[in-house]
């Protein structure tokens, strides 16, 4: 699968189904079998992970988060794109620049 160099609001993202995730108190712990590393997220990052279980356009994700957390859209966009880029760099995110399948 090819994906754009930088994530944009038009990209469609989905978490990699090969990542194993489990709840641990208020955190979500994720394990990547491919790289042998584990990650823990909470709060908004956890909500993003849950929201991208199925393909989701980044602009829709940001709209949902900005409304839920009453945060300005610019800040929400910057923080969300940063987190999604982190997921992608760790091989935990599938990205396409097309429409939702």
PDB file of N, CA and C in Angstrom:
ATOM      1  N   UNK A   1       0.840  -1.171   0.000  1.00  0.00           N
ATOM      2  CA  UNK A   1       0.000   0.000   0.000  1.00  0.00           C
ATOM      3  C   UNK A   1       0.892   1.243   0.000  1.00  0.00           C
ATOM      4  N   UNK A   2       0.581   2.194  -0.829  1.00  0.00           N
ATOM      5  CA  UNK A   2       1.320   3.443  -0.833  1.00  0.00           C
ATOM      6  C   UNK A   2       0.539   4.481  -0.052  1.00  0.00           C
ATOM      7  N   UNK A   3       1.261   5.387   0.541  1.00  0.00           N
ATOM      8  CA  UNK A   3       0.588   6.448   1.271  1.00  0.00           C
ATOM      9  C   UNK A   3       1.372   7.734   1.104  1.00  0.00           C
ATOM     10  N   UNK A   4       0.696   8.846   1.348  1.00  0.00           N
ATOM     11  CA  UNK A   4       1.338  10.139   1.133  1.00  0.00           C
ATOM     12  C   UNK A   4       2.516  10.352   2.088  1.00  0.00           C
ATOM     13  N   UNK A   5       3.433  11.235   1.687  1.00  0.00           N
ATOM     14  CA  UNK A   5       4.602  11.538   2.520  1.00  0.00           C
ATOM     15  C   UNK A   5       4.178  12.104   3.873  1.00  0.00           C
ATOM     16  N   UNK A   6       3.238  13.031   3.844  1.00  0.00           N
ATOM     17  CA  UNK A   6       2.750  13.651   5.082  1.00  0.00           C
ATOM     18  C   UNK A   6       1.257  13.363   5.189  1.00  0.00           C
ATOM     19  N   UNK A   7       0.798  13.179   6.399  1.00  0.00           N
ATOM     20  CA  UNK A   7      -0.627  12.994   6.594  1.00  0.00           C
ATOM     21  C   UNK A   7      -1.346  14.307   6.300  1.00  0.00           C
ATOM     22  N   UNK A   8      -2.506  14.198   5.696  1.00  0.00           N
ATOM     23  CA  UNK A   8      -3.328  15.374   5.444  1.00  0.00           C
ATOM     24  C   UNK A   8      -4.735  15.090   5.952  1.00  0.00           C
ATOM     25  N   UNK A   9      -5.542  16.116   5.982  1.00  0.00           N
ATOM     26  CA  UNK A   9      -6.906  15.972   6.475  1.00  0.00           C
ATOM     27  C   UNK A   9      -7.742  15.045   5.601  1.00  0.00           C
ATOM     28  N   UNK A  10      -7.329  14.852   4.358  1.00  0.00           N
ATOM     29  CA  UNK A  10      -8.068  13.985   3.447  1.00  0.00           C
ATOM     30  C   UNK A  10      -7.657  12.524   3.534  1.00  0.00           C
ATOM     31  N   UNK A  11      -6.591  12.226   4.254  1.00  0.00           N
ATOM     32  CA  UNK A  11      -6.151  10.837   4.402  1.00  0.00           C
ATOM     33  C   UNK A  11      -7.172  10.045   5.213  1.00  0.00           C
ATOM     34  N   UNK A  12      -7.253   8.768   4.904  1.00  0.00           N
ATOM     35  CA  UNK A  12      -8.079   7.840   5.661  1.00  0.00           C
ATOM     36  C   UNK A  12      -7.126   6.952   6.443  1.00  0.00           C
ATOM     37  N   UNK A  13      -7.379   6.841   7.744  1.00  0.00           N
ATOM     38  CA  UNK A  13      -6.496   6.065   8.606  1.00  0.00           C
ATOM     39  C   UNK A  13      -7.264   4.945   9.290  1.00  0.00           C
ATOM     40  N   UNK A  14      -6.527   3.896   9.616  1.00  0.00           N
ATOM     41  CA  UNK A  14      -7.077   2.777  10.367  1.00  0.00           C
ATOM     42  C   UNK A  14      -5.934   2.141  11.144  1.00  0.00           C
ATOM     43  N   UNK A  15      -6.222   1.746  12.364  1.00  0.00           N
ATOM     44  CA  UNK A  15      -5.172   1.087  13.135  1.00  0.00           C
ATOM     45  C   UNK A  15      -4.854  -0.267  12.525  1.00  0.00           C
ATOM     46  N   UNK A  16      -3.624  -0.681  12.691  1.00  0.00           N
ATOM     47  CA  UNK A  16      -3.192  -1.975  12.167  1.00  0.00           C
ATOM     48  C   UNK A  16      -3.848  -3.078  12.988  1.00  0.00           C
ATOM     49  N   UNK A  17      -4.597  -3.965  12.350  1.00  0.00           N
ATOM     50  CA  UNK A  17      -5.285  -5.018  13.099  1.00  0.00           C
ATOM     51  C   UNK A  17      -4.329  -6.031  13.723  1.00  0.00           C
ATOM     52  N   UNK A  18      -3.064  -6.003  13.338  1.00  0.00           N
ATOM     53  CA  UNK A  18      -2.077  -6.918  13.908  1.00  0.00           C
ATOM     54  C   UNK A  18      -1.605  -6.464  15.300  1.00  0.00           C
ATOM     55  N   UNK A  19      -1.962  -5.245  15.704  1.00  0.00           N
ATOM     56  CA  UNK A  19      -1.582  -4.722  17.015  1.00  0.00           C
ATOM     57  C   UNK A  19      -2.548  -5.274  18.054  1.00  0.00           C
ATOM     58  N   UNK A  20      -2.006  -5.859  19.082  1.00  0.00           N
ATOM     59  CA  UNK A  20      -2.820  -6.401  20.166  1.00  0.00           C
ATOM     60  C   UNK A  20      -2.990  -5.305  21.217  1.00  0.00           C
ATOM     61  N   UNK A  21      -4.224  -5.081  21.651  1.00  0.00           N
ATOM     62  CA  UNK A  21      -4.498  -4.042  22.640  1.00  0.00           C
ATOM     63  C   UNK A  21      -5.328  -4.615  23.776  1.00  0.00           C
ATOM     64  N   UNK A  22      -5.040  -4.142  24.996  1.00  0.00           N
ATOM     65  CA  UNK A  22      -5.794  -4.574  26.169  1.00  0.00           C
ATOM     66  C   UNK A  22      -5.866  -3.427  27.167  1.00  0.00           C
ATOM     67  N   UNK A  23      -6.944  -3.395  27.912  1.00  0.00           N
ATOM     68  CA  UNK A  23      -7.105  -2.359  28.924  1.00  0.00           C
ATOM     69  C   UNK A  23      -6.284  -2.710  30.154  1.00  0.00           C
ATOM     70  N   UNK A  24      -5.680  -1.685  30.731  1.00  0.00           N
ATOM     71  CA  UNK A  24      -4.926  -1.828  31.979  1.00  0.00           C
ATOM     72  C   UNK A  24      -5.248  -0.608  32.829  1.00  0.00           C
ATOM     73  N   UNK A  25      -6.199  -0.769  33.726  1.00  0.00           N
ATOM     74  CA  UNK A  25      -6.712   0.330  34.538  1.00  0.00           C
ATOM     75  C   UNK A  25      -7.321   1.366  33.605  1.00  0.00           C
ATOM     76  N   UNK A  26      -6.833   2.600  33.606  1.00  0.00           N
ATOM     77  CA  UNK A  26      -7.386   3.639  32.728  1.00  0.00           C
ATOM     78  C   UNK A  26      -6.610   3.765  31.429  1.00  0.00           C
ATOM     79  N   UNK A  27      -5.573   2.968  31.281  1.00  0.00           N
ATOM     80  CA  UNK A  27      -4.749   3.025  30.074  1.00  0.00           C
ATOM     81  C   UNK A  27      -5.132   1.925  29.104  1.00  0.00           C
ATOM     82  N   UNK A  28      -4.668   2.095  27.892  1.00  0.00           N
ATOM     83  CA  UNK A  28      -4.777   1.060  26.876  1.00  0.00           C
ATOM     84  C   UNK A  28      -3.350   0.678  26.516  1.00  0.00           C
ATOM     85  N   UNK A  29      -3.016  -0.593  26.678  1.00  0.00           N
ATOM     86  CA  UNK A  29      -1.679  -1.074  26.367  1.00  0.00           C
ATOM     87  C   UNK A  29      -1.746  -1.796  25.027  1.00  0.00           C
ATOM     88  N   UNK A  30      -0.842  -1.407  24.133  1.00  0.00           N
ATOM     89  CA  UNK A  30      -0.814  -1.991  22.791  1.00  0.00           C
ATOM     90  C   UNK A  30       0.536  -2.658  22.593  1.00  0.00           C
ATOM     91  N   UNK A  31       0.516  -3.837  21.955  1.00  0.00           N
ATOM     92  CA  UNK A  31       1.741  -4.587  21.704  1.00  0.00           C
ATOM     93  C   UNK A  31       1.862  -4.816  20.200  1.00  0.00           C
ATOM     94  N   UNK A  32       3.020  -4.467  19.682  1.00  0.00           N
ATOM     95  CA  UNK A  32       3.315  -4.735  18.277  1.00  0.00           C
ATOM     96  C   UNK A  32       4.138  -6.005  18.200  1.00  0.00           C
ATOM     97  N   UNK A  33       3.543  -7.024  17.632  1.00  0.00           N
ATOM     98  CA  UNK A  33       4.258  -8.292  17.466  1.00  0.00           C
ATOM     99  C   UNK A  33       5.409  -8.098  16.471  1.00  0.00           C
ATOM    100  N   UNK A  34       5.184  -7.275  15.460  1.00  0.00           N
ATOM    101  CA  UNK A  34       6.190  -7.065  14.406  1.00  0.00           C
ATOM    102  C   UNK A  34       7.496  -6.502  14.948  1.00  0.00           C
ATOM    103  N   UNK A  35       7.421  -5.528  15.880  1.00  0.00           N
ATOM    104  CA  UNK A  35       8.660  -4.924  16.370  1.00  0.00           C
ATOM    105  C   UNK A  35       8.962  -5.274  17.826  1.00  0.00           C
ATOM    106  N   UNK A  36       8.059  -6.015  18.478  1.00  0.00           N
ATOM    107  CA  UNK A  36       8.307  -6.463  19.839  1.00  0.00           C
ATOM    108  C   UNK A  36       8.196  -5.383  20.898  1.00  0.00           C
ATOM    109  N   UNK A  37       7.615  -4.263  20.553  1.00  0.00           N
ATOM    110  CA  UNK A  37       7.490  -3.161  21.508  1.00  0.00           C
ATOM    111  C   UNK A  37       6.060  -3.027  21.999  1.00  0.00           C
ATOM    112  N   UNK A  38       5.914  -2.416  23.175  1.00  0.00           N
ATOM    113  CA  UNK A  38       4.574  -2.135  23.671  1.00  0.00           C
ATOM    114  C   UNK A  38       4.451  -0.651  23.951  1.00  0.00           C
ATOM    115  N   UNK A  39       3.216  -0.183  23.934  1.00  0.00           N
ATOM    116  CA  UNK A  39       2.909   1.233  24.079  1.00  0.00           C
ATOM    117  C   UNK A  39       1.701   1.346  24.998  1.00  0.00           C
ATOM    118  N   UNK A  40       1.654   2.394  25.792  1.00  0.00           N
ATOM    119  CA  UNK A  40       0.496   2.648  26.647  1.00  0.00           C
ATOM    120  C   UNK A  40      -0.021   4.050  26.345  1.00  0.00           C
ATOM    121  N   UNK A  41      -1.324   4.153  26.178  1.00  0.00           N
ATOM    122  CA  UNK A  41      -1.950   5.448  25.922  1.00  0.00           C
ATOM    123  C   UNK A  41      -3.148   5.597  26.839  1.00  0.00           C
ATOM    124  N   UNK A  42      -3.537   6.826  27.050  1.00  0.00           N
ATOM    125  CA  UNK A  42      -4.724   7.098  27.858  1.00  0.00           C
ATOM    126  C   UNK A  42      -5.426   8.331  27.302  1.00  0.00           C
ATOM    127  N   UNK A  43      -6.556   8.616  27.877  1.00  0.00           N
ATOM    128  CA  UNK A  43      -7.338   9.805  27.556  1.00  0.00           C
ATOM    129  C   UNK A  43      -7.619   9.940  26.059  1.00  0.00           C
ATOM    130  N   UNK A  44      -7.215  11.058  25.485  1.00  0.00           N
ATOM    131  CA  UNK A  44      -7.548  11.353  24.095  1.00  0.00           C
ATOM    132  C   UNK A  44      -6.879  10.361  23.137  1.00  0.00           C
ATOM    133  N   UNK A  45      -5.633  10.001  23.403  1.00  0.00           N
ATOM    134  CA  UNK A  45      -4.938   9.045  22.534  1.00  0.00           C
ATOM    135  C   UNK A  45      -5.681   7.710  22.516  1.00  0.00           C
ATOM    136  N   UNK A  46      -6.184   7.319  23.648  1.00  0.00           N
ATOM    137  CA  UNK A  46      -6.965   6.078  23.727  1.00  0.00           C
ATOM    138  C   UNK A  46      -8.234   6.203  22.890  1.00  0.00           C
ATOM    139  N   UNK A  47      -8.891   7.344  22.970  1.00  0.00           N
ATOM    140  CA  UNK A  47     -10.106   7.564  22.188  1.00  0.00           C
ATOM    141  C   UNK A  47      -9.810   7.544  20.688  1.00  0.00           C
ATOM    142  N   UNK A  48      -8.686   8.127  20.290  1.00  0.00           N
ATOM    143  CA  UNK A  48      -8.300   8.103  18.877  1.00  0.00           C
ATOM    144  C   UNK A  48      -8.085   6.662  18.433  1.00  0.00           C
ATOM    145  N   UNK A  49      -7.364   5.882  19.223  1.00  0.00           N
ATOM    146  CA  UNK A  49      -7.093   4.485  18.877  1.00  0.00           C
ATOM    147  C   UNK A  49      -8.402   3.726  18.690  1.00  0.00           C
ATOM    148  N   UNK A  50      -9.355   3.952  19.582  1.00  0.00           N
ATOM    149  CA  UNK A  50     -10.637   3.269  19.476  1.00  0.00           C
ATOM    150  C   UNK A  50     -11.417   3.747  18.248  1.00  0.00           C
ATOM    151  N   UNK A  51     -11.310   5.036  17.934  1.00  0.00           N
ATOM    152  CA  UNK A  51     -12.050   5.605  16.802  1.00  0.00           C
ATOM    153  C   UNK A  51     -11.542   5.105  15.458  1.00  0.00           C
ATOM    154  N   UNK A  52     -10.286   4.712  15.397  1.00  0.00           N
ATOM    155  CA  UNK A  52      -9.720   4.278  14.116  1.00  0.00           C
ATOM    156  C   UNK A  52      -9.670   2.753  13.994  1.00  0.00           C
ATOM    157  N   UNK A  53     -10.535   2.086  14.726  1.00  0.00           N
ATOM    158  CA  UNK A  53     -10.650   0.634  14.569  1.00  0.00           C
ATOM    159  C   UNK A  53     -11.081   0.306  13.140  1.00  0.00           C
ATOM    160  N   UNK A  54     -11.939   1.141  12.589  1.00  0.00           N
ATOM    161  CA  UNK A  54     -12.325   1.024  11.186  1.00  0.00           C
ATOM    162  C   UNK A  54     -11.843   2.286  10.472  1.00  0.00           C
ATOM    163  N   UNK A  55     -11.758   2.245   9.147  1.00  0.00           N
ATOM    164  CA  UNK A  55     -11.222   3.402   8.410  1.00  0.00           C
ATOM    165  C   UNK A  55     -11.967   4.699   8.740  1.00  0.00           C
ATOM    166  N   UNK A  56     -11.187   5.763   8.937  1.00  0.00           N
ATOM    167  CA  UNK A  56     -11.778   7.053   9.293  1.00  0.00           C
ATOM    168  C   UNK A  56     -10.966   8.158   8.640  1.00  0.00           C
ATOM    169  N   UNK A  57     -11.654   9.088   8.033  1.00  0.00           N
ATOM    170  CA  UNK A  57     -11.008  10.245   7.439  1.00  0.00           C
ATOM    171  C   UNK A  57     -10.495  11.143   8.566  1.00  0.00           C
ATOM    172  N   UNK A  58      -9.272  11.619   8.440  1.00  0.00           N
ATOM    173  CA  UNK A  58      -8.662  12.413   9.510  1.00  0.00           C
ATOM    174  C   UNK A  58      -9.488  13.651   9.829  1.00  0.00           C
ATOM    175  N   UNK A  59     -10.017  14.326   8.828  1.00  0.00           N
ATOM    176  CA  UNK A  59     -10.813  15.537   9.099  1.00  0.00           C
ATOM    177  C   UNK A  59     -12.052  15.206   9.936  1.00  0.00           C
ATOM    178  N   UNK A  60     -12.671  14.046   9.708  1.00  0.00           N
ATOM    179  CA  UNK A  60     -13.834  13.641  10.502  1.00  0.00           C
ATOM    180  C   UNK A  60     -13.422  13.329  11.936  1.00  0.00           C
ATOM    181  N   UNK A  61     -12.301  12.679  12.095  1.00  0.00           N
ATOM    182  CA  UNK A  61     -11.780  12.374  13.427  1.00  0.00           C
ATOM    183  C   UNK A  61     -11.539  13.661  14.211  1.00  0.00           C
ATOM    184  N   UNK A  62     -10.923  14.647  13.579  1.00  0.00           N
ATOM    185  CA  UNK A  62     -10.634  15.919  14.238  1.00  0.00           C
ATOM    186  C   UNK A  62     -11.927  16.647  14.596  1.00  0.00           C
ATOM    187  N   UNK A  63     -12.896  16.635  13.691  1.00  0.00           N
ATOM    188  CA  UNK A  63     -14.193  17.252  13.995  1.00  0.00           C
ATOM    189  C   UNK A  63     -14.819  16.616  15.229  1.00  0.00           C
ATOM    190  N   UNK A  64     -14.792  15.285  15.297  1.00  0.00           N
ATOM    191  CA  UNK A  64     -15.371  14.572  16.443  1.00  0.00           C
ATOM    192  C   UNK A  64     -14.655  14.929  17.740  1.00  0.00           C
ATOM    193  N   UNK A  65     -13.327  14.931  17.696  1.00  0.00           N
ATOM    194  CA  UNK A  65     -12.549  15.221  18.903  1.00  0.00           C
ATOM    195  C   UNK A  65     -12.726  16.665  19.353  1.00  0.00           C
ATOM    196  N   UNK A  66     -12.698  17.605  18.417  1.00  0.00           N
ATOM    197  CA  UNK A  66     -12.850  19.024  18.772  1.00  0.00           C
ATOM    198  C   UNK A  66     -14.201  19.264  19.437  1.00  0.00           C
ATOM    199  N   UNK A  67     -15.236  18.596  18.946  1.00  0.00           N
ATOM    200  CA  UNK A  67     -16.556  18.736  19.554  1.00  0.00           C
ATOM    201  C   UNK A  67     -16.644  18.081  20.924  1.00  0.00           C
ATOM    202  N   UNK A  68     -16.064  16.897  21.056  1.00  0.00           N
ATOM    203  CA  UNK A  68     -16.125  16.162  22.324  1.00  0.00           C
ATOM    204  C   UNK A  68     -15.355  16.849  23.436  1.00  0.00           C
ATOM    205  N   UNK A  69     -14.217  17.440  23.088  1.00  0.00           N
ATOM    206  CA  UNK A  69     -13.340  18.014  24.112  1.00  0.00           C
ATOM    207  C   UNK A  69     -13.394  19.534  24.173  1.00  0.00           C
ATOM    208  N   UNK A  70     -14.280  20.142  23.374  1.00  0.00           N
ATOM    209  CA  UNK A  70     -14.440  21.594  23.379  1.00  0.00           C
ATOM    210  C   UNK A  70     -13.089  22.306  23.258  1.00  0.00           C
ATOM    211  N   UNK A  71     -12.333  21.907  22.258  1.00  0.00           N
ATOM    212  CA  UNK A  71     -11.010  22.477  22.003  1.00  0.00           C
ATOM    213  C   UNK A  71     -11.048  23.124  20.623  1.00  0.00           C
ATOM    214  N   UNK A  72     -10.233  24.154  20.429  1.00  0.00           N
ATOM    215  CA  UNK A  72     -10.246  24.795  19.113  1.00  0.00           C
ATOM    216  C   UNK A  72      -9.693  23.823  18.081  1.00  0.00           C
ATOM    217  N   UNK A  73     -10.235  23.925  16.882  1.00  0.00           N
ATOM    218  CA  UNK A  73      -9.934  22.956  15.836  1.00  0.00           C
ATOM    219  C   UNK A  73      -8.458  22.968  15.435  1.00  0.00           C
ATOM    220  N   UNK A  74      -7.822  24.122  15.433  1.00  0.00           N
ATOM    221  CA  UNK A  74      -6.415  24.205  15.031  1.00  0.00           C
ATOM    222  C   UNK A  74      -5.531  23.405  15.976  1.00  0.00           C
ATOM    223  N   UNK A  75      -5.724  23.593  17.262  1.00  0.00           N
ATOM    224  CA  UNK A  75      -4.942  22.850  18.256  1.00  0.00           C
ATOM    225  C   UNK A  75      -5.235  21.358  18.150  1.00  0.00           C
ATOM    226  N   UNK A  76      -6.500  21.018  18.013  1.00  0.00           N
ATOM    227  CA  UNK A  76      -6.891  19.618  17.884  1.00  0.00           C
ATOM    228  C   UNK A  76      -6.238  18.990  16.651  1.00  0.00           C
ATOM    229  N   UNK A  77      -6.237  19.725  15.561  1.00  0.00           N
ATOM    230  CA  UNK A  77      -5.643  19.224  14.322  1.00  0.00           C
ATOM    231  C   UNK A  77      -4.154  18.971  14.494  1.00  0.00           C
ATOM    232  N   UNK A  78      -3.435  19.922  15.085  1.00  0.00           N
ATOM    233  CA  UNK A  78      -1.991  19.767  15.283  1.00  0.00           C
ATOM    234  C   UNK A  78      -1.676  18.559  16.155  1.00  0.00           C
ATOM    235  N   UNK A  79      -2.382  18.432  17.272  1.00  0.00           N
ATOM    236  CA  UNK A  79      -2.116  17.338  18.211  1.00  0.00           C
ATOM    237  C   UNK A  79      -2.505  15.981  17.623  1.00  0.00           C
ATOM    238  N   UNK A  80      -3.620  15.929  16.922  1.00  0.00           N
ATOM    239  CA  UNK A  80      -4.075  14.672  16.329  1.00  0.00           C
ATOM    240  C   UNK A  80      -3.132  14.214  15.228  1.00  0.00           C
ATOM    241  N   UNK A  81      -2.740  15.129  14.357  1.00  0.00           N
ATOM    242  CA  UNK A  81      -1.802  14.769  13.290  1.00  0.00           C
ATOM    243  C   UNK A  81      -0.468  14.300  13.863  1.00  0.00           C
ATOM    244  N   UNK A  82      -0.015  14.937  14.926  1.00  0.00           N
ATOM    245  CA  UNK A  82       1.236  14.536  15.569  1.00  0.00           C
ATOM    246  C   UNK A  82       1.135  13.109  16.112  1.00  0.00           C
ATOM    247  N   UNK A  83       0.038  12.799  16.794  1.00  0.00           N
ATOM    248  CA  UNK A  83      -0.148  11.451  17.337  1.00  0.00           C
ATOM    249  C   UNK A  83      -0.257  10.418  16.220  1.00  0.00           C
ATOM    250  N   UNK A  84      -1.011  10.742  15.171  1.00  0.00           N
ATOM    251  CA  UNK A  84      -1.156   9.809  14.056  1.00  0.00           C
ATOM    252  C   UNK A  84       0.176   9.578  13.345  1.00  0.00           C
ATOM    253  N   UNK A  85       0.986  10.618  13.216  1.00  0.00           N
ATOM    254  CA  UNK A  85       2.320  10.458  12.615  1.00  0.00           C
ATOM    255  C   UNK A  85       3.177   9.534  13.472  1.00  0.00           C
ATOM    256  N   UNK A  86       3.061   9.666  14.803  1.00  0.00           N
ATOM    257  CA  UNK A  86       3.791   8.771  15.700  1.00  0.00           C
ATOM    258  C   UNK A  86       3.361   7.323  15.485  1.00  0.00           C
ATOM    259  N   UNK A  87       2.051   7.107  15.399  1.00  0.00           N
ATOM    260  CA  UNK A  87       1.554   5.753  15.152  1.00  0.00           C
ATOM    261  C   UNK A  87       2.073   5.220  13.825  1.00  0.00           C
ATOM    262  N   UNK A  88       2.044   6.056  12.809  1.00  0.00           N
ATOM    263  CA  UNK A  88       2.507   5.615  11.484  1.00  0.00           C
ATOM    264  C   UNK A  88       3.995   5.289  11.514  1.00  0.00           C
ATOM    265  N   UNK A  89       4.794   6.108  12.183  1.00  0.00           N
ATOM    266  CA  UNK A  89       6.238   5.858  12.222  1.00  0.00           C
ATOM    267  C   UNK A  89       6.575   4.571  12.966  1.00  0.00           C
ATOM    268  N   UNK A  90       5.684   4.151  13.852  1.00  0.00           N
ATOM    269  CA  UNK A  90       5.890   2.900  14.594  1.00  0.00           C
ATOM    270  C   UNK A  90       5.262   1.705  13.881  1.00  0.00           C
ATOM    271  N   UNK A  91       4.682   1.938  12.697  1.00  0.00           N
ATOM    272  CA  UNK A  91       4.081   0.854  11.938  1.00  0.00           C
ATOM    273  C   UNK A  91       2.745   0.375  12.500  1.00  0.00           C
ATOM    274  N   UNK A  92       2.058   1.245  13.212  1.00  0.00           N
ATOM    275  CA  UNK A  92       0.808   0.868  13.864  1.00  0.00           C
ATOM    276  C   UNK A  92      -0.422   1.419  13.155  1.00  0.00           C
ATOM    277  N   UNK A  93      -0.226   2.069  12.013  1.00  0.00           N
ATOM    278  CA  UNK A  93      -1.304   2.770  11.336  1.00  0.00           C
ATOM    279  C   UNK A  93      -1.299   2.454   9.850  1.00  0.00           C
ATOM    280  N   UNK A  94      -2.462   2.179   9.307  1.00  0.00           N
ATOM    281  CA  UNK A  94      -2.630   2.026   7.861  1.00  0.00           C
ATOM    282  C   UNK A  94      -3.187   3.343   7.339  1.00  0.00           C
ATOM    283  N   UNK A  95      -2.619   3.812   6.225  1.00  0.00           N
ATOM    284  CA  UNK A  95      -3.000   5.113   5.679  1.00  0.00           C
ATOM    285  C   UNK A  95      -3.298   4.976   4.194  1.00  0.00           C
ATOM    286  N   UNK A  96      -4.371   5.627   3.770  1.00  0.00           N
ATOM    287  CA  UNK A  96      -4.633   5.753   2.340  1.00  0.00           C
ATOM    288  C   UNK A  96      -5.052   7.188   2.069  1.00  0.00           C
ATOM    289  N   UNK A  97      -4.868   7.617   0.844  1.00  0.00           N
ATOM    290  CA  UNK A  97      -5.247   8.986   0.520  1.00  0.00           C
ATOM    291  C   UNK A  97      -6.508   9.002  -0.334  1.00  0.00           C
ATOM    292  N   UNK A  98      -7.278   7.932  -0.238  1.00  0.00           N
ATOM    293  CA  UNK A  98      -8.518   7.823  -0.997  1.00  0.00           C
ATOM    294  C   UNK A  98      -9.719   7.895  -0.098  1.00  0.00           C
ATOM    295  N   UNK A  99     -10.809   7.361  -0.598  1.00  0.00           N
ATOM    296  CA  UNK A  99     -12.047   7.373   0.159  1.00  0.00           C
ATOM    297  C   UNK A  99     -12.123   6.141   1.074  1.00  0.00           C
ATOM    298  N   UNK A 100     -13.023   6.203   2.010  1.00  0.00           N
ATOM    299  CA  UNK A 100     -13.208   5.094   2.935  1.00  0.00           C
ATOM    300  C   UNK A 100     -13.798   3.920   2.154  1.00  0.00           C
ATOM    301  N   UNK A 101     -13.171   2.735   2.285  1.00  0.00           N
ATOM    302  CA  UNK A 101     -13.647   1.577   1.522  1.00  0.00           C
ATOM    303  C   UNK A 101     -15.050   1.144   1.945  1.00  0.00           C
TER     304      UNK A 101
END
